[in-house]
Amino acid sequence: MTGPAKPEIWQVDFVGSIGHEQKKARPCVIWKDLDHIGMAVAIPFTGTSEAGNFSYTHPVEPSLANGLEKESVALVFQIRSVDKKRMMKKIGALDAADTRAIEGLLRDMLDL
């Protein structure tokens, strides 16, 4: 199994989510490609800057490399597995600094 060299950013369709889960199509960090089972581990983004006040979030500035259209907040606490059929299109890749920041948040949140 091989995953991306660095986490990619994809447009992912969350139609059918309930409660406080992220809904509709939105950019996500694809943290791990689980291609052998047709799944991926995704961290959704929101464009709501106030979400950055929650624990386990990380702001990401738009760039040509990541393909984001506006400042977005990675909702690390909303990490989830998604069927790869929800992945609509690749829009970019996360840079090394944002990757390290999100990895640190994951380690802290999951007590790794």
N, C-alpha and C. Protein backbone atom coordinates (compact mmCIF):
# COMPACT_ATOMS: atom_id res chain seq x y z
N MET A 1 0.85 -1.18 0.00
CA MET A 1 0.00 0.00 0.00
C MET A 1 0.89 1.23 0.00
N THR A 2 0.60 2.13 -0.90
CA THR A 2 1.35 3.38 -0.91
C THR A 2 0.37 4.53 -0.81
N GLY A 3 0.70 5.50 0.01
CA GLY A 3 -0.10 6.70 0.15
C GLY A 3 0.64 7.86 -0.48
N PRO A 4 0.07 9.03 -0.45
CA PRO A 4 0.74 10.18 -1.03
C PRO A 4 2.02 10.50 -0.28
N ALA A 5 3.01 11.08 -1.00
CA ALA A 5 4.28 11.46 -0.37
C ALA A 5 4.04 12.49 0.73
N LYS A 6 3.06 13.35 0.52
CA LYS A 6 2.63 14.27 1.56
C LYS A 6 1.11 14.32 1.48
N PRO A 7 0.46 14.67 2.57
CA PRO A 7 -1.01 14.67 2.54
C PRO A 7 -1.56 15.55 1.41
N GLU A 8 -2.50 14.99 0.70
CA GLU A 8 -3.14 15.70 -0.40
C GLU A 8 -4.42 16.36 0.08
N ILE A 9 -4.86 17.35 -0.67
CA ILE A 9 -6.14 18.01 -0.39
C ILE A 9 -7.08 17.66 -1.52
N TRP A 10 -8.21 17.10 -1.14
CA TRP A 10 -9.24 16.66 -2.09
C TRP A 10 -10.57 17.30 -1.73
N GLN A 11 -11.40 17.49 -2.73
CA GLN A 11 -12.80 17.85 -2.52
C GLN A 11 -13.51 16.54 -2.18
N VAL A 12 -14.18 16.50 -1.02
CA VAL A 12 -14.85 15.29 -0.55
C VAL A 12 -16.32 15.60 -0.31
N ASP A 13 -17.17 14.68 -0.72
CA ASP A 13 -18.62 14.85 -0.59
C ASP A 13 -19.09 14.24 0.72
N PHE A 14 -19.56 15.08 1.65
CA PHE A 14 -20.05 14.61 2.95
C PHE A 14 -21.59 14.60 3.02
N VAL A 15 -22.25 14.61 1.88
CA VAL A 15 -23.72 14.55 1.88
C VAL A 15 -24.14 13.30 2.65
N GLY A 16 -25.10 13.46 3.54
CA GLY A 16 -25.57 12.34 4.35
C GLY A 16 -25.02 12.36 5.77
N SER A 17 -24.16 13.33 6.09
CA SER A 17 -23.65 13.45 7.45
C SER A 17 -24.76 13.96 8.36
N ILE A 18 -24.63 13.68 9.66
CA ILE A 18 -25.66 14.11 10.60
C ILE A 18 -25.05 14.86 11.77
N GLY A 19 -25.90 15.52 12.53
CA GLY A 19 -25.48 16.20 13.76
C GLY A 19 -24.38 17.23 13.52
N HIS A 20 -23.31 17.16 14.31
CA HIS A 20 -22.22 18.12 14.23
C HIS A 20 -21.16 17.75 13.20
N GLU A 21 -21.36 16.63 12.47
CA GLU A 21 -20.41 16.25 11.43
C GLU A 21 -20.43 17.29 10.31
N GLN A 22 -19.30 17.45 9.64
CA GLN A 22 -19.25 18.35 8.50
C GLN A 22 -20.13 17.81 7.39
N LYS A 23 -20.81 18.73 6.71
CA LYS A 23 -21.75 18.36 5.67
C LYS A 23 -21.30 18.95 4.34
N LYS A 24 -21.93 18.56 3.29
CA LYS A 24 -21.75 18.99 1.90
C LYS A 24 -20.34 18.73 1.40
N ALA A 25 -20.10 19.05 0.14
CA ALA A 25 -18.77 18.86 -0.44
C ALA A 25 -17.85 19.95 0.08
N ARG A 26 -16.63 19.55 0.46
CA ARG A 26 -15.66 20.49 1.02
C ARG A 26 -14.25 19.94 0.87
N PRO A 27 -13.27 20.83 0.92
CA PRO A 27 -11.88 20.34 0.89
C PRO A 27 -11.55 19.58 2.17
N CYS A 28 -10.70 18.58 2.01
CA CYS A 28 -10.24 17.78 3.15
C CYS A 28 -8.78 17.43 2.93
N VAL A 29 -8.07 17.29 4.04
CA VAL A 29 -6.73 16.71 3.99
C VAL A 29 -6.92 15.19 3.97
N ILE A 30 -6.39 14.55 2.95
CA ILE A 30 -6.40 13.09 2.93
C ILE A 30 -5.11 12.66 3.62
N TRP A 31 -5.26 12.31 4.89
CA TRP A 31 -4.10 12.02 5.72
C TRP A 31 -3.47 10.67 5.38
N LYS A 32 -4.32 9.71 5.07
CA LYS A 32 -3.82 8.36 4.77
C LYS A 32 -4.71 7.72 3.72
N ASP A 33 -4.10 7.22 2.68
CA ASP A 33 -4.80 6.50 1.62
C ASP A 33 -4.84 5.03 2.01
N LEU A 34 -6.03 4.51 2.22
CA LEU A 34 -6.21 3.09 2.56
C LEU A 34 -6.75 2.37 1.33
N ASP A 35 -6.02 2.52 0.23
CA ASP A 35 -6.47 2.05 -1.07
C ASP A 35 -6.84 0.57 -1.07
N HIS A 36 -6.13 -0.23 -0.30
CA HIS A 36 -6.38 -1.68 -0.28
C HIS A 36 -7.77 -2.04 0.23
N ILE A 37 -8.43 -1.10 0.90
CA ILE A 37 -9.82 -1.34 1.35
C ILE A 37 -10.78 -0.29 0.81
N GLY A 38 -10.32 0.53 -0.13
CA GLY A 38 -11.19 1.51 -0.77
C GLY A 38 -11.60 2.66 0.12
N MET A 39 -10.77 2.97 1.13
CA MET A 39 -11.08 4.02 2.08
C MET A 39 -9.91 5.00 2.17
N ALA A 40 -10.15 6.12 2.82
CA ALA A 40 -9.10 7.10 3.11
C ALA A 40 -9.43 7.74 4.45
N VAL A 41 -8.39 8.21 5.13
CA VAL A 41 -8.56 8.94 6.38
C VAL A 41 -8.52 10.42 6.04
N ALA A 42 -9.60 11.13 6.37
CA ALA A 42 -9.78 12.51 5.95
C ALA A 42 -9.95 13.45 7.14
N ILE A 43 -9.39 14.65 6.99
CA ILE A 43 -9.58 15.74 7.95
C ILE A 43 -10.26 16.88 7.21
N PRO A 44 -11.52 17.17 7.53
CA PRO A 44 -12.24 18.20 6.77
C PRO A 44 -11.78 19.62 7.13
N PHE A 45 -11.94 20.50 6.15
CA PHE A 45 -11.72 21.93 6.34
C PHE A 45 -13.05 22.64 6.47
N THR A 46 -13.04 23.79 7.12
CA THR A 46 -14.16 24.71 7.11
C THR A 46 -13.62 26.09 6.74
N GLY A 47 -14.47 26.89 6.13
CA GLY A 47 -14.11 28.26 5.81
C GLY A 47 -14.53 29.22 6.91
N THR A 48 -15.11 28.70 7.97
CA THR A 48 -15.56 29.52 9.10
C THR A 48 -14.38 29.76 10.03
N SER A 49 -13.85 30.97 10.02
CA SER A 49 -12.62 31.26 10.78
C SER A 49 -12.82 31.09 12.29
N GLU A 50 -14.04 31.29 12.79
CA GLU A 50 -14.31 31.13 14.23
C GLU A 50 -14.07 29.70 14.69
N ALA A 51 -14.10 28.75 13.77
CA ALA A 51 -13.84 27.35 14.13
C ALA A 51 -12.42 27.18 14.66
N GLY A 52 -11.54 28.10 14.33
CA GLY A 52 -10.18 28.05 14.84
C GLY A 52 -10.09 28.22 16.34
N ASN A 53 -11.20 28.62 16.98
CA ASN A 53 -11.24 28.75 18.44
C ASN A 53 -11.40 27.39 19.13
N PHE A 54 -11.80 26.37 18.38
CA PHE A 54 -11.94 25.03 18.95
C PHE A 54 -10.56 24.40 19.13
N SER A 55 -10.47 23.47 20.08
CA SER A 55 -9.24 22.69 20.23
C SER A 55 -9.05 21.80 19.02
N TYR A 56 -7.82 21.46 18.73
CA TYR A 56 -7.46 20.54 17.66
C TYR A 56 -7.91 21.02 16.29
N THR A 57 -7.60 22.27 16.01
CA THR A 57 -7.82 22.85 14.69
C THR A 57 -6.53 23.54 14.26
N HIS A 58 -6.40 23.75 12.95
CA HIS A 58 -5.21 24.39 12.41
C HIS A 58 -5.59 25.24 11.20
N PRO A 59 -5.29 26.55 11.22
CA PRO A 59 -5.58 27.39 10.05
C PRO A 59 -4.58 27.14 8.93
N VAL A 60 -5.08 27.16 7.70
CA VAL A 60 -4.23 26.96 6.53
C VAL A 60 -4.52 28.07 5.53
N GLU A 61 -3.48 28.80 5.15
CA GLU A 61 -3.60 29.87 4.16
C GLU A 61 -3.69 29.26 2.76
N PRO A 62 -4.48 29.86 1.88
CA PRO A 62 -4.54 29.34 0.51
C PRO A 62 -3.22 29.58 -0.22
N SER A 63 -2.90 28.66 -1.11
CA SER A 63 -1.71 28.79 -1.95
C SER A 63 -1.95 28.06 -3.26
N LEU A 64 -1.09 28.31 -4.22
CA LEU A 64 -1.18 27.57 -5.49
C LEU A 64 -0.98 26.08 -5.26
N ALA A 65 -0.09 25.74 -4.33
CA ALA A 65 0.22 24.32 -4.07
C ALA A 65 -0.94 23.58 -3.43
N ASN A 66 -1.64 24.24 -2.46
CA ASN A 66 -2.71 23.49 -1.77
C ASN A 66 -4.06 23.63 -2.46
N GLY A 67 -4.23 24.59 -3.34
CA GLY A 67 -5.46 24.71 -4.11
C GLY A 67 -6.65 25.27 -3.35
N LEU A 68 -6.46 25.67 -2.10
CA LEU A 68 -7.57 26.24 -1.33
C LEU A 68 -7.89 27.63 -1.87
N GLU A 69 -9.16 27.98 -1.89
CA GLU A 69 -9.58 29.27 -2.42
C GLU A 69 -9.59 30.37 -1.37
N LYS A 70 -9.63 30.00 -0.09
CA LYS A 70 -9.65 31.00 0.98
C LYS A 70 -9.03 30.39 2.22
N GLU A 71 -8.72 31.24 3.22
CA GLU A 71 -8.19 30.71 4.47
C GLU A 71 -9.18 29.70 5.01
N SER A 72 -8.66 28.56 5.41
CA SER A 72 -9.50 27.47 5.88
C SER A 72 -8.95 26.95 7.20
N VAL A 73 -9.80 26.28 7.95
CA VAL A 73 -9.41 25.71 9.22
C VAL A 73 -9.54 24.19 9.12
N ALA A 74 -8.43 23.49 9.33
CA ALA A 74 -8.45 22.02 9.36
C ALA A 74 -9.05 21.59 10.69
N LEU A 75 -10.14 20.85 10.63
CA LEU A 75 -10.84 20.39 11.83
C LEU A 75 -10.30 19.02 12.21
N VAL A 76 -9.13 19.02 12.82
CA VAL A 76 -8.45 17.77 13.15
C VAL A 76 -9.33 16.88 14.03
N PHE A 77 -10.10 17.47 14.92
CA PHE A 77 -10.96 16.69 15.81
C PHE A 77 -12.08 15.98 15.06
N GLN A 78 -12.30 16.32 13.78
CA GLN A 78 -13.33 15.67 12.97
C GLN A 78 -12.75 14.60 12.04
N ILE A 79 -11.53 14.15 12.32
CA ILE A 79 -10.90 13.12 11.48
C ILE A 79 -11.84 11.93 11.34
N ARG A 80 -11.90 11.39 10.12
CA ARG A 80 -12.80 10.25 9.88
C ARG A 80 -12.35 9.46 8.67
N SER A 81 -12.80 8.23 8.61
CA SER A 81 -12.58 7.41 7.43
C SER A 81 -13.71 7.67 6.46
N VAL A 82 -13.36 7.74 5.18
CA VAL A 82 -14.38 7.93 4.14
C VAL A 82 -14.16 6.92 3.04
N ASP A 83 -15.24 6.50 2.43
CA ASP A 83 -15.14 5.66 1.25
C ASP A 83 -14.54 6.51 0.14
N LYS A 84 -13.64 5.94 -0.64
CA LYS A 84 -12.99 6.70 -1.69
C LYS A 84 -13.97 7.18 -2.76
N LYS A 85 -15.16 6.62 -2.81
CA LYS A 85 -16.18 7.10 -3.74
C LYS A 85 -16.63 8.52 -3.39
N ARG A 86 -16.40 8.96 -2.13
CA ARG A 86 -16.73 10.33 -1.72
C ARG A 86 -15.70 11.35 -2.21
N MET A 87 -14.52 10.89 -2.61
CA MET A 87 -13.45 11.78 -3.04
C MET A 87 -13.71 12.22 -4.48
N MET A 88 -14.01 13.51 -4.65
CA MET A 88 -14.45 14.02 -5.94
C MET A 88 -13.29 14.41 -6.85
N LYS A 89 -12.34 15.20 -6.35
CA LYS A 89 -11.19 15.59 -7.17
C LYS A 89 -10.08 16.11 -6.27
N LYS A 90 -8.85 15.87 -6.72
CA LYS A 90 -7.69 16.39 -6.01
C LYS A 90 -7.55 17.86 -6.35
N ILE A 91 -7.30 18.68 -5.29
CA ILE A 91 -7.13 20.11 -5.54
C ILE A 91 -5.74 20.61 -5.16
N GLY A 92 -4.95 19.81 -4.45
CA GLY A 92 -3.61 20.26 -4.10
C GLY A 92 -2.95 19.33 -3.10
N ALA A 93 -1.92 19.86 -2.44
CA ALA A 93 -1.19 19.10 -1.43
C ALA A 93 -0.83 20.03 -0.28
N LEU A 94 -0.76 19.48 0.90
CA LEU A 94 -0.43 20.23 2.11
C LEU A 94 1.08 20.43 2.17
N ASP A 95 1.53 21.62 2.57
CA ASP A 95 2.98 21.85 2.67
C ASP A 95 3.53 21.23 3.95
N ALA A 96 4.85 21.21 4.04
CA ALA A 96 5.53 20.52 5.15
C ALA A 96 5.19 21.13 6.50
N ALA A 97 5.13 22.47 6.59
CA ALA A 97 4.85 23.11 7.88
C ALA A 97 3.45 22.79 8.37
N ASP A 98 2.46 22.85 7.48
CA ASP A 98 1.09 22.51 7.89
C ASP A 98 0.97 21.03 8.22
N THR A 99 1.68 20.19 7.48
CA THR A 99 1.67 18.75 7.76
C THR A 99 2.20 18.48 9.17
N ARG A 100 3.33 19.12 9.52
CA ARG A 100 3.90 18.93 10.87
C ARG A 100 2.94 19.43 11.95
N ALA A 101 2.31 20.57 11.72
CA ALA A 101 1.38 21.13 12.71
C ALA A 101 0.20 20.19 12.94
N ILE A 102 -0.37 19.68 11.86
CA ILE A 102 -1.51 18.77 11.98
C ILE A 102 -1.08 17.45 12.62
N GLU A 103 0.10 16.97 12.25
CA GLU A 103 0.60 15.74 12.87
C GLU A 103 0.75 15.91 14.38
N GLY A 104 1.25 17.06 14.82
CA GLY A 104 1.38 17.33 16.25
C GLY A 104 0.03 17.35 16.95
N LEU A 105 -0.96 17.95 16.30
CA LEU A 105 -2.31 17.97 16.88
C LEU A 105 -2.89 16.56 16.98
N LEU A 106 -2.68 15.75 15.94
CA LEU A 106 -3.16 14.36 15.99
C LEU A 106 -2.50 13.58 17.11
N ARG A 107 -1.19 13.73 17.26
CA ARG A 107 -0.48 13.02 18.32
C ARG A 107 -1.01 13.43 19.70
N ASP A 108 -1.23 14.73 19.88
CA ASP A 108 -1.74 15.21 21.15
C ASP A 108 -3.17 14.73 21.40
N MET A 109 -4.03 14.88 20.41
CA MET A 109 -5.44 14.51 20.56
C MET A 109 -5.60 13.02 20.83
N LEU A 110 -4.79 12.19 20.16
CA LEU A 110 -4.91 10.74 20.29
C LEU A 110 -3.98 10.15 21.34
N ASP A 111 -3.26 11.00 22.06
CA ASP A 111 -2.30 10.55 23.07
C ASP A 111 -1.30 9.54 22.51
N LEU A 112 -0.72 9.86 21.37
CA LEU A 112 0.26 8.96 20.74
C LEU A 112 1.68 9.30 21.20
